[in-house]
Amino acid sequence: MKPTSRTPEPRGYRYRPIWIAIVMAIALFHPRGALPELRPLVREMLENLGAVNQIGEGVALENYEQVGRAALDLKRRAQRMKELDLTTLGMPANRDPQFDAYLTAQERSADAILEAVKTEDSQATLMGLQQLLKDGCLACHADFREGNRLLRPSVMFMTTFITAWKEINRGLSINDLPLVARSARELQSMARVLSWDQVIESTFGLEDAEERKEFQRHLVRLSTHAAQIEQASAEADIDRILQADRQMWSDGCVACHDQFR
């Protein structure tokens, strides 16, 4: 069953499909062993993703106190990482100035969101969030995931998950439940692709069969909650969407990283 109503998207927004096949192809042909060097960075990225999720949920619920706390968390983390010895995160000893530039972009976006919170301006808040994802998160991934840099195909998968998650939050904030449902379906599709043994082994370096099975169980939980989001969207049940979204984050993403990072 598909929802029939749809709120027009604000000017400047455009839904962009996620090219799962491209990501999968890169993962299949990329050398193994990506996960160990990403483990420390993943923790920071997960914290950022959690803050992004809190901002989207806060806008949907008109809870601008929550939005402000999450934006301040993003800003402070960027500032802290500028002072941090990045070798502790698995990065080269020679600090890359471009990495710090992306941290500055994160600070600027957080400031824009904090400014929007003062007047409870949902449109400006979403623009700040879009700016963060475009100029900070995704731009940094596009730069540092190259073969001679740091990040690997596992982060490309994470980037596509972030994009779909962002669209769920945006759909909630503008009352576009069909967009929420589409994004939830994309998460399910990505989980299915990522659950293939060959993809898990080549992308995340999990050569042990039992570890791959456990990884797949986390993906099943993530996909189950994404399906719940899709169903709740069809029934226009916002409370169930938010509950499933939180469960997908805690039972799927965070639980998986707690085990494998």
C-alpha atoms as a PDB file:
ATOM      1  CA  MET A   1       0.000   0.000   0.000  1.00  0.00           C
ATOM      2  CA  LYS A   2       1.437   3.371  -1.014  1.00  0.00           C
ATOM      3  CA  PRO A   3       0.544   6.756   0.473  1.00  0.00           C
ATOM      4  CA  THR A   4      -1.414   8.971  -1.882  1.00  0.00           C
ATOM      5  CA  SER A   5      -0.809  12.408  -0.369  1.00  0.00           C
ATOM      6  CA  ARG A   6       2.375  14.314  -0.874  1.00  0.00           C
ATOM      7  CA  THR A   7       3.505  17.702   0.387  1.00  0.00           C
ATOM      8  CA  PRO A   8       5.448  19.642  -2.298  1.00  0.00           C
ATOM      9  CA  GLU A   9       9.174  19.809  -1.642  1.00  0.00           C
ATOM     10  CA  PRO A  10      10.648  23.221  -0.809  1.00  0.00           C
ATOM     11  CA  ARG A  11      12.468  24.954  -3.643  1.00  0.00           C
ATOM     12  CA  GLY A  12      16.066  23.915  -3.896  1.00  0.00           C
ATOM     13  CA  TYR A  13      15.512  20.348  -2.735  1.00  0.00           C
ATOM     14  CA  ARG A  14      15.842  17.401  -5.071  1.00  0.00           C
ATOM     15  CA  TYR A  15      15.667  13.726  -4.186  1.00  0.00           C
ATOM     16  CA  ARG A  16      18.764  11.939  -5.430  1.00  0.00           C
ATOM     17  CA  PRO A  17      18.685   8.145  -5.871  1.00  0.00           C
ATOM     18  CA  ILE A  18      21.485   6.067  -4.332  1.00  0.00           C
ATOM     19  CA  TRP A  19      23.475   4.036  -6.819  1.00  0.00           C
ATOM     20  CA  ILE A  20      23.792   0.787  -4.909  1.00  0.00           C
ATOM     21  CA  ALA A  21      25.185  -1.121  -7.876  1.00  0.00           C
ATOM     22  CA  ILE A  22      28.136   1.262  -8.233  1.00  0.00           C
ATOM     23  CA  VAL A  23      28.992   1.032  -4.558  1.00  0.00           C
ATOM     24  CA  MET A  24      28.696  -2.753  -4.651  1.00  0.00           C
ATOM     25  CA  ALA A  25      30.973  -3.021  -7.678  1.00  0.00           C
ATOM     26  CA  ILE A  26      33.679  -0.953  -6.029  1.00  0.00           C
ATOM     27  CA  ALA A  27      33.374  -3.023  -2.868  1.00  0.00           C
ATOM     28  CA  LEU A  28      33.700  -6.295  -4.754  1.00  0.00           C
ATOM     29  CA  PHE A  29      36.914  -5.324  -6.511  1.00  0.00           C
ATOM     30  CA  HIS A  30      38.616  -3.391  -3.731  1.00  0.00           C
ATOM     31  CA  PRO A  31      41.355  -5.043  -1.623  1.00  0.00           C
ATOM     32  CA  ARG A  32      40.338  -6.488   1.717  1.00  0.00           C
ATOM     33  CA  GLY A  33      41.216  -5.279   5.163  1.00  0.00           C
ATOM     34  CA  ALA A  34      39.396  -1.935   5.165  1.00  0.00           C
ATOM     35  CA  LEU A  35      37.745  -2.223   8.547  1.00  0.00           C
ATOM     36  CA  PRO A  36      40.725  -2.256  10.957  1.00  0.00           C
ATOM     37  CA  GLU A  37      42.067   1.150   9.884  1.00  0.00           C
ATOM     38  CA  LEU A  38      38.577   2.672   9.990  1.00  0.00           C
ATOM     39  CA  ARG A  39      37.579   1.476  13.433  1.00  0.00           C
ATOM     40  CA  PRO A  40      38.670   4.586  15.395  1.00  0.00           C
ATOM     41  CA  LEU A  41      37.176   6.992  12.849  1.00  0.00           C
ATOM     42  CA  VAL A  42      33.918   5.077  12.759  1.00  0.00           C
ATOM     43  CA  ARG A  43      33.268   5.984  16.368  1.00  0.00           C
ATOM     44  CA  GLU A  44      33.510   9.689  15.569  1.00  0.00           C
ATOM     45  CA  MET A  45      31.382   9.301  12.456  1.00  0.00           C
ATOM     46  CA  LEU A  46      28.703   7.423  14.368  1.00  0.00           C
ATOM     47  CA  GLU A  47      28.546  10.194  16.948  1.00  0.00           C
ATOM     48  CA  ASN A  48      28.115  12.720  14.142  1.00  0.00           C
ATOM     49  CA  LEU A  49      25.444  10.594  12.515  1.00  0.00           C
ATOM     50  CA  GLY A  50      23.612  10.338  15.818  1.00  0.00           C
ATOM     51  CA  ALA A  51      23.612  14.140  16.112  1.00  0.00           C
ATOM     52  CA  VAL A  52      22.331  14.468  12.531  1.00  0.00           C
ATOM     53  CA  ASN A  53      19.524  12.054  13.368  1.00  0.00           C
ATOM     54  CA  GLN A  54      18.658  14.051  16.495  1.00  0.00           C
ATOM     55  CA  ILE A  55      18.450  17.240  14.438  1.00  0.00           C
ATOM     56  CA  GLY A  56      16.107  15.657  11.888  1.00  0.00           C
ATOM     57  CA  GLU A  57      13.919  14.180  14.601  1.00  0.00           C
ATOM     58  CA  GLY A  58      13.923  17.455  16.533  1.00  0.00           C
ATOM     59  CA  VAL A  59      12.707  19.409  13.505  1.00  0.00           C
ATOM     60  CA  ALA A  60       9.983  16.817  12.873  1.00  0.00           C
ATOM     61  CA  LEU A  61       8.782  17.127  16.482  1.00  0.00           C
ATOM     62  CA  GLU A  62       9.408  20.896  16.634  1.00  0.00           C
ATOM     63  CA  ASN A  63      11.740  20.220  19.554  1.00  0.00           C
ATOM     64  CA  TYR A  64      14.306  22.943  18.908  1.00  0.00           C
ATOM     65  CA  GLU A  65      15.995  22.429  22.246  1.00  0.00           C
ATOM     66  CA  GLN A  66      16.961  18.960  20.999  1.00  0.00           C
ATOM     67  CA  VAL A  67      18.103  20.419  17.672  1.00  0.00           C
ATOM     68  CA  GLY A  68      20.273  22.954  19.467  1.00  0.00           C
ATOM     69  CA  ARG A  69      21.916  20.333  21.686  1.00  0.00           C
ATOM     70  CA  ALA A  70      22.745  18.160  18.690  1.00  0.00           C
ATOM     71  CA  ALA A  71      24.132  21.078  16.668  1.00  0.00           C
ATOM     72  CA  LEU A  72      26.306  22.150  19.600  1.00  0.00           C
ATOM     73  CA  ASP A  73      27.537  18.563  19.879  1.00  0.00           C
ATOM     74  CA  LEU A  74      28.566  18.628  16.205  1.00  0.00           C
ATOM     75  CA  LYS A  75      30.385  21.920  16.659  1.00  0.00           C
ATOM     76  CA  ARG A  76      32.264  20.842  19.772  1.00  0.00           C
ATOM     77  CA  ARG A  77      33.296  17.529  18.217  1.00  0.00           C
ATOM     78  CA  ALA A  78      34.744  19.332  15.199  1.00  0.00           C
ATOM     79  CA  GLN A  79      36.656  21.688  17.479  1.00  0.00           C
ATOM     80  CA  ARG A  80      37.958  18.801  19.560  1.00  0.00           C
ATOM     81  CA  MET A  81      39.127  16.865  16.519  1.00  0.00           C
ATOM     82  CA  LYS A  82      41.112  19.896  15.345  1.00  0.00           C
ATOM     83  CA  GLU A  83      43.158  19.632  18.516  1.00  0.00           C
ATOM     84  CA  LEU A  84      43.306  15.847  18.559  1.00  0.00           C
ATOM     85  CA  ASP A  85      46.343  13.809  17.571  1.00  0.00           C
ATOM     86  CA  LEU A  86      44.790  12.199  14.511  1.00  0.00           C
ATOM     87  CA  THR A  87      47.214   9.290  14.591  1.00  0.00           C
ATOM     88  CA  THR A  88      44.976   7.994  17.392  1.00  0.00           C
ATOM     89  CA  LEU A  89      42.258   7.741  14.733  1.00  0.00           C
ATOM     90  CA  GLY A  90      44.470   5.816  12.350  1.00  0.00           C
ATOM     91  CA  MET A  91      45.365   8.819  10.204  1.00  0.00           C
ATOM     92  CA  PRO A  92      48.883   9.741   8.973  1.00  0.00           C
ATOM     93  CA  ALA A  93      51.272  11.548  11.305  1.00  0.00           C
ATOM     94  CA  ASN A  94      51.428  14.557   8.955  1.00  0.00           C
ATOM     95  CA  ARG A  95      48.145  16.315   9.550  1.00  0.00           C
ATOM     96  CA  ASP A  96      46.246  16.967   6.325  1.00  0.00           C
ATOM     97  CA  PRO A  97      45.021  20.600   6.222  1.00  0.00           C
ATOM     98  CA  GLN A  98      42.130  19.586   3.983  1.00  0.00           C
ATOM     99  CA  PHE A  99      40.782  17.364   6.759  1.00  0.00           C
ATOM    100  CA  ASP A 100      40.770  20.357   9.096  1.00  0.00           C
ATOM    101  CA  ALA A 101      38.980  22.378   6.404  1.00  0.00           C
ATOM    102  CA  TYR A 102      36.143  19.859   6.473  1.00  0.00           C
ATOM    103  CA  LEU A 103      36.008  20.164  10.261  1.00  0.00           C
ATOM    104  CA  THR A 104      35.664  23.919   9.804  1.00  0.00           C
ATOM    105  CA  ALA A 105      32.779  23.289   7.391  1.00  0.00           C
ATOM    106  CA  GLN A 106      31.145  21.187  10.108  1.00  0.00           C
ATOM    107  CA  GLU A 107      31.540  24.064  12.582  1.00  0.00           C
ATOM    108  CA  ARG A 108      30.010  26.561  10.122  1.00  0.00           C
ATOM    109  CA  SER A 109      27.033  24.318   9.438  1.00  0.00           C
ATOM    110  CA  ALA A 110      26.483  23.764  13.149  1.00  0.00           C
ATOM    111  CA  ASP A 111      26.572  27.540  13.702  1.00  0.00           C
ATOM    112  CA  ALA A 112      23.975  28.012  10.943  1.00  0.00           C
ATOM    113  CA  ILE A 113      21.702  25.469  12.629  1.00  0.00           C
ATOM    114  CA  LEU A 114      22.207  27.075  16.043  1.00  0.00           C
ATOM    115  CA  GLU A 115      21.280  30.449  14.549  1.00  0.00           C
ATOM    116  CA  ALA A 116      18.132  28.962  12.984  1.00  0.00           C
ATOM    117  CA  VAL A 117      17.164  27.437  16.327  1.00  0.00           C
ATOM    118  CA  LYS A 118      16.897  30.919  17.866  1.00  0.00           C
ATOM    119  CA  THR A 119      13.857  31.670  15.704  1.00  0.00           C
ATOM    120  CA  GLU A 120      12.719  28.045  15.334  1.00  0.00           C
ATOM    121  CA  ASP A 121      13.167  28.344  11.585  1.00  0.00           C
ATOM    122  CA  SER A 122      12.735  24.795  10.247  1.00  0.00           C
ATOM    123  CA  GLN A 123      13.676  25.730   6.679  1.00  0.00           C
ATOM    124  CA  ALA A 124      16.935  27.365   7.749  1.00  0.00           C
ATOM    125  CA  THR A 125      17.663  24.417  10.038  1.00  0.00           C
ATOM    126  CA  LEU A 126      17.277  21.976   7.162  1.00  0.00           C
ATOM    127  CA  MET A 127      19.433  24.134   4.911  1.00  0.00           C
ATOM    128  CA  GLY A 128      22.135  24.063   7.575  1.00  0.00           C
ATOM    129  CA  LEU A 129      21.813  20.293   7.781  1.00  0.00           C
ATOM    130  CA  GLN A 130      22.051  19.963   4.015  1.00  0.00           C
ATOM    131  CA  GLN A 131      25.125  22.187   4.084  1.00  0.00           C
ATOM    132  CA  LEU A 132      26.718  19.950   6.716  1.00  0.00           C
ATOM    133  CA  LEU A 133      26.140  16.790   4.720  1.00  0.00           C
ATOM    134  CA  LYS A 134      27.208  18.316   1.401  1.00  0.00           C
ATOM    135  CA  ASP A 135      30.198  20.465   2.389  1.00  0.00           C
ATOM    136  CA  GLY A 136      31.327  18.465   5.401  1.00  0.00           C
ATOM    137  CA  CYS A 137      30.460  14.770   5.526  1.00  0.00           C
ATOM    138  CA  LEU A 138      30.086  13.822   1.871  1.00  0.00           C
ATOM    139  CA  ALA A 139      32.822  16.137   0.605  1.00  0.00           C
ATOM    140  CA  CYS A 140      35.257  14.721   3.154  1.00  0.00           C
ATOM    141  CA  HIS A 141      34.337  11.166   2.213  1.00  0.00           C
ATOM    142  CA  ALA A 142      34.750  11.892  -1.478  1.00  0.00           C
ATOM    143  CA  ASP A 143      38.261  13.215  -0.830  1.00  0.00           C
ATOM    144  CA  PHE A 144      39.607  10.803   1.754  1.00  0.00           C
ATOM    145  CA  ARG A 145      38.142   7.591   0.411  1.00  0.00           C
ATOM    146  CA  GLU A 146      40.472   7.641  -2.627  1.00  0.00           C
ATOM    147  CA  GLY A 147      42.889   4.731  -2.892  1.00  0.00           C
ATOM    148  CA  ASN A 148      45.934   6.756  -1.906  1.00  0.00           C
ATOM    149  CA  ARG A 149      44.199   8.437   1.026  1.00  0.00           C
ATOM    150  CA  LEU A 150      42.429   6.971   4.041  1.00  0.00           C
ATOM    151  CA  LEU A 151      38.834   5.893   3.663  1.00  0.00           C
ATOM    152  CA  ARG A 152      37.696   2.758   1.905  1.00  0.00           C
ATOM    153  CA  PRO A 153      34.554   1.272   0.277  1.00  0.00           C
ATOM    154  CA  SER A 154      33.082   0.499   3.703  1.00  0.00           C
ATOM    155  CA  VAL A 155      32.699   4.256   4.180  1.00  0.00           C
ATOM    156  CA  MET A 156      31.041   4.505   0.777  1.00  0.00           C
ATOM    157  CA  PHE A 157      28.362   2.168   2.072  1.00  0.00           C
ATOM    158  CA  MET A 158      28.069   4.279   5.199  1.00  0.00           C
ATOM    159  CA  THR A 159      27.716   7.400   3.062  1.00  0.00           C
ATOM    160  CA  THR A 160      24.791   5.913   1.169  1.00  0.00           C
ATOM    161  CA  PHE A 161      23.145   4.933   4.455  1.00  0.00           C
ATOM    162  CA  ILE A 162      23.631   8.498   5.717  1.00  0.00           C
ATOM    163  CA  THR A 163      22.018   9.900   2.573  1.00  0.00           C
ATOM    164  CA  ALA A 164      18.946   7.686   2.918  1.00  0.00           C
ATOM    165  CA  TRP A 165      18.721   8.456   6.625  1.00  0.00           C
ATOM    166  CA  LYS A 166      18.937  12.172   5.880  1.00  0.00           C
ATOM    167  CA  GLU A 167      16.028  11.833   3.451  1.00  0.00           C
ATOM    168  CA  ILE A 168      13.924  10.079   6.106  1.00  0.00           C
ATOM    169  CA  ASN A 169      14.490  13.002   8.454  1.00  0.00           C
ATOM    170  CA  ARG A 170      13.800  15.546   5.715  1.00  0.00           C
ATOM    171  CA  GLY A 171      10.620  13.729   4.732  1.00  0.00           C
ATOM    172  CA  LEU A 172       9.414  13.881   8.329  1.00  0.00           C
ATOM    173  CA  SER A 173      10.223  17.561   8.646  1.00  0.00           C
ATOM    174  CA  ILE A 174       8.275  18.576   5.514  1.00  0.00           C
ATOM    175  CA  ASN A 175       5.493  15.998   6.028  1.00  0.00           C
ATOM    176  CA  ASP A 176       6.457  14.088   2.897  1.00  0.00           C
ATOM    177  CA  LEU A 177       5.713  10.540   4.004  1.00  0.00           C
ATOM    178  CA  PRO A 178       6.185   9.045   0.511  1.00  0.00           C
ATOM    179  CA  LEU A 179       9.774  10.338   0.661  1.00  0.00           C
ATOM    180  CA  VAL A 180      10.192   8.670   4.067  1.00  0.00           C
ATOM    181  CA  ALA A 181       8.861   5.401   2.637  1.00  0.00           C
ATOM    182  CA  ARG A 182      11.144   5.551  -0.435  1.00  0.00           C
ATOM    183  CA  SER A 183      14.192   6.195   1.713  1.00  0.00           C
ATOM    184  CA  ALA A 184      13.277   3.328   4.027  1.00  0.00           C
ATOM    185  CA  ARG A 185      13.005   1.028   1.006  1.00  0.00           C
ATOM    186  CA  GLU A 186      16.459   2.139  -0.123  1.00  0.00           C
ATOM    187  CA  LEU A 187      17.856   1.224   3.285  1.00  0.00           C
ATOM    188  CA  GLN A 188      16.316  -2.224   2.932  1.00  0.00           C
ATOM    189  CA  SER A 189      17.821  -2.622  -0.545  1.00  0.00           C
ATOM    190  CA  MET A 190      21.264  -1.606   0.683  1.00  0.00           C
ATOM    191  CA  ALA A 191      21.025  -4.001   3.604  1.00  0.00           C
ATOM    192  CA  ARG A 192      20.219  -6.825   1.192  1.00  0.00           C
ATOM    193  CA  VAL A 193      23.208  -6.022  -1.017  1.00  0.00           C
ATOM    194  CA  LEU A 194      25.518  -5.619   1.944  1.00  0.00           C
ATOM    195  CA  SER A 195      24.406  -8.960   3.401  1.00  0.00           C
ATOM    196  CA  TRP A 196      26.071 -10.943   0.607  1.00  0.00           C
ATOM    197  CA  ASP A 197      29.050 -12.916   1.867  1.00  0.00           C
ATOM    198  CA  GLN A 198      31.336 -11.695  -0.909  1.00  0.00           C
ATOM    199  CA  VAL A 199      30.519  -8.043  -0.237  1.00  0.00           C
ATOM    200  CA  ILE A 200      31.033  -8.394   3.527  1.00  0.00           C
ATOM    201  CA  GLU A 201      34.328 -10.206   3.093  1.00  0.00           C
ATOM    202  CA  SER A 202      35.804  -7.918   0.436  1.00  0.00           C
ATOM    203  CA  THR A 203      34.564  -4.636   1.924  1.00  0.00           C
ATOM    204  CA  PHE A 204      34.938  -5.169   5.657  1.00  0.00           C
ATOM    205  CA  GLY A 205      37.655  -7.804   5.742  1.00  0.00           C
ATOM    206  CA  LEU A 206      35.543 -10.328   7.659  1.00  0.00           C
ATOM    207  CA  GLU A 207      37.013 -13.638   6.517  1.00  0.00           C
ATOM    208  CA  ASP A 208      35.544 -15.722   9.350  1.00  0.00           C
ATOM    209  CA  ALA A 209      32.197 -17.259   8.355  1.00  0.00           C
ATOM    210  CA  GLU A 210      30.730 -16.915  11.848  1.00  0.00           C
ATOM    211  CA  GLU A 211      31.612 -13.224  11.966  1.00  0.00           C
ATOM    212  CA  ARG A 212      29.908 -12.707   8.621  1.00  0.00           C
ATOM    213  CA  LYS A 213      26.782 -14.434   9.931  1.00  0.00           C
ATOM    214  CA  GLU A 214      26.737 -12.141  12.960  1.00  0.00           C
ATOM    215  CA  PHE A 215      27.218  -9.142  10.681  1.00  0.00           C
ATOM    216  CA  GLN A 216      24.265 -10.346   8.611  1.00  0.00           C
ATOM    217  CA  ARG A 217      22.114 -10.604  11.739  1.00  0.00           C
ATOM    218  CA  HIS A 218      22.742  -6.924  12.441  1.00  0.00           C
ATOM    219  CA  LEU A 219      21.719  -6.126   8.871  1.00  0.00           C
ATOM    220  CA  VAL A 220      18.513  -8.119   9.287  1.00  0.00           C
ATOM    221  CA  ARG A 221      17.613  -6.034  12.335  1.00  0.00           C
ATOM    222  CA  LEU A 222      18.369  -2.821  10.467  1.00  0.00           C
ATOM    223  CA  SER A 223      16.283  -3.932   7.500  1.00  0.00           C
ATOM    224  CA  THR A 224      13.401  -4.991   9.766  1.00  0.00           C
ATOM    225  CA  HIS A 225      13.219  -1.558  11.358  1.00  0.00           C
ATOM    226  CA  ALA A 226      13.478   0.113   7.946  1.00  0.00           C
ATOM    227  CA  ALA A 227      10.492  -1.983   6.826  1.00  0.00           C
ATOM    228  CA  GLN A 228       8.614  -0.805   9.917  1.00  0.00           C
ATOM    229  CA  ILE A 229       9.374   2.797   8.945  1.00  0.00           C
ATOM    230  CA  GLU A 230       8.010   2.141   5.460  1.00  0.00           C
ATOM    231  CA  GLN A 231       4.826   0.539   6.811  1.00  0.00           C
ATOM    232  CA  ALA A 232       4.273   3.285   9.381  1.00  0.00           C
ATOM    233  CA  SER A 233       4.735   5.870   6.632  1.00  0.00           C
ATOM    234  CA  ALA A 234       1.983   4.204   4.609  1.00  0.00           C
ATOM    235  CA  GLU A 235      -0.266   4.485   7.671  1.00  0.00           C
ATOM    236  CA  ALA A 236       0.857   8.050   8.464  1.00  0.00           C
ATOM    237  CA  ASP A 237       1.860   6.987  11.982  1.00  0.00           C
ATOM    238  CA  ILE A 238       4.609   9.452  12.948  1.00  0.00           C
ATOM    239  CA  ASP A 239       5.157   8.001  16.418  1.00  0.00           C
ATOM    240  CA  ARG A 240       5.847   4.544  14.984  1.00  0.00           C
ATOM    241  CA  ILE A 241       8.191   5.999  12.366  1.00  0.00           C
ATOM    242  CA  LEU A 242      10.239   7.734  15.050  1.00  0.00           C
ATOM    243  CA  GLN A 243      10.283   4.662  17.273  1.00  0.00           C
ATOM    244  CA  ALA A 244      11.443   2.414  14.421  1.00  0.00           C
ATOM    245  CA  ASP A 245      14.024   5.010  13.412  1.00  0.00           C
ATOM    246  CA  ARG A 246      15.525   5.022  16.918  1.00  0.00           C
ATOM    247  CA  GLN A 247      15.505   1.226  17.044  1.00  0.00           C
ATOM    248  CA  MET A 248      17.179   0.987  13.647  1.00  0.00           C
ATOM    249  CA  TRP A 249      19.925   3.268  14.916  1.00  0.00           C
ATOM    250  CA  SER A 250      20.477   1.444  18.228  1.00  0.00           C
ATOM    251  CA  ASP A 251      19.777  -2.193  17.259  1.00  0.00           C
ATOM    252  CA  GLY A 252      21.327  -2.019  13.801  1.00  0.00           C
ATOM    253  CA  CYS A 253      24.089   0.542  13.292  1.00  0.00           C
ATOM    254  CA  VAL A 254      25.371   1.142  16.816  1.00  0.00           C
ATOM    255  CA  ALA A 255      25.098  -2.502  17.900  1.00  0.00           C
ATOM    256  CA  CYS A 256      26.996  -3.625  14.796  1.00  0.00           C
ATOM    257  CA  HIS A 257      29.782  -1.104  15.305  1.00  0.00           C
ATOM    258  CA  ASP A 258      30.016  -1.932  18.990  1.00  0.00           C
ATOM    259  CA  GLN A 259      30.850  -5.479  17.983  1.00  0.00           C
ATOM    260  CA  PHE A 260      33.006  -5.023  14.881  1.00  0.00           C
ATOM    261  CA  ARG A 261      34.906  -1.793  15.427  1.00  0.00           C
END
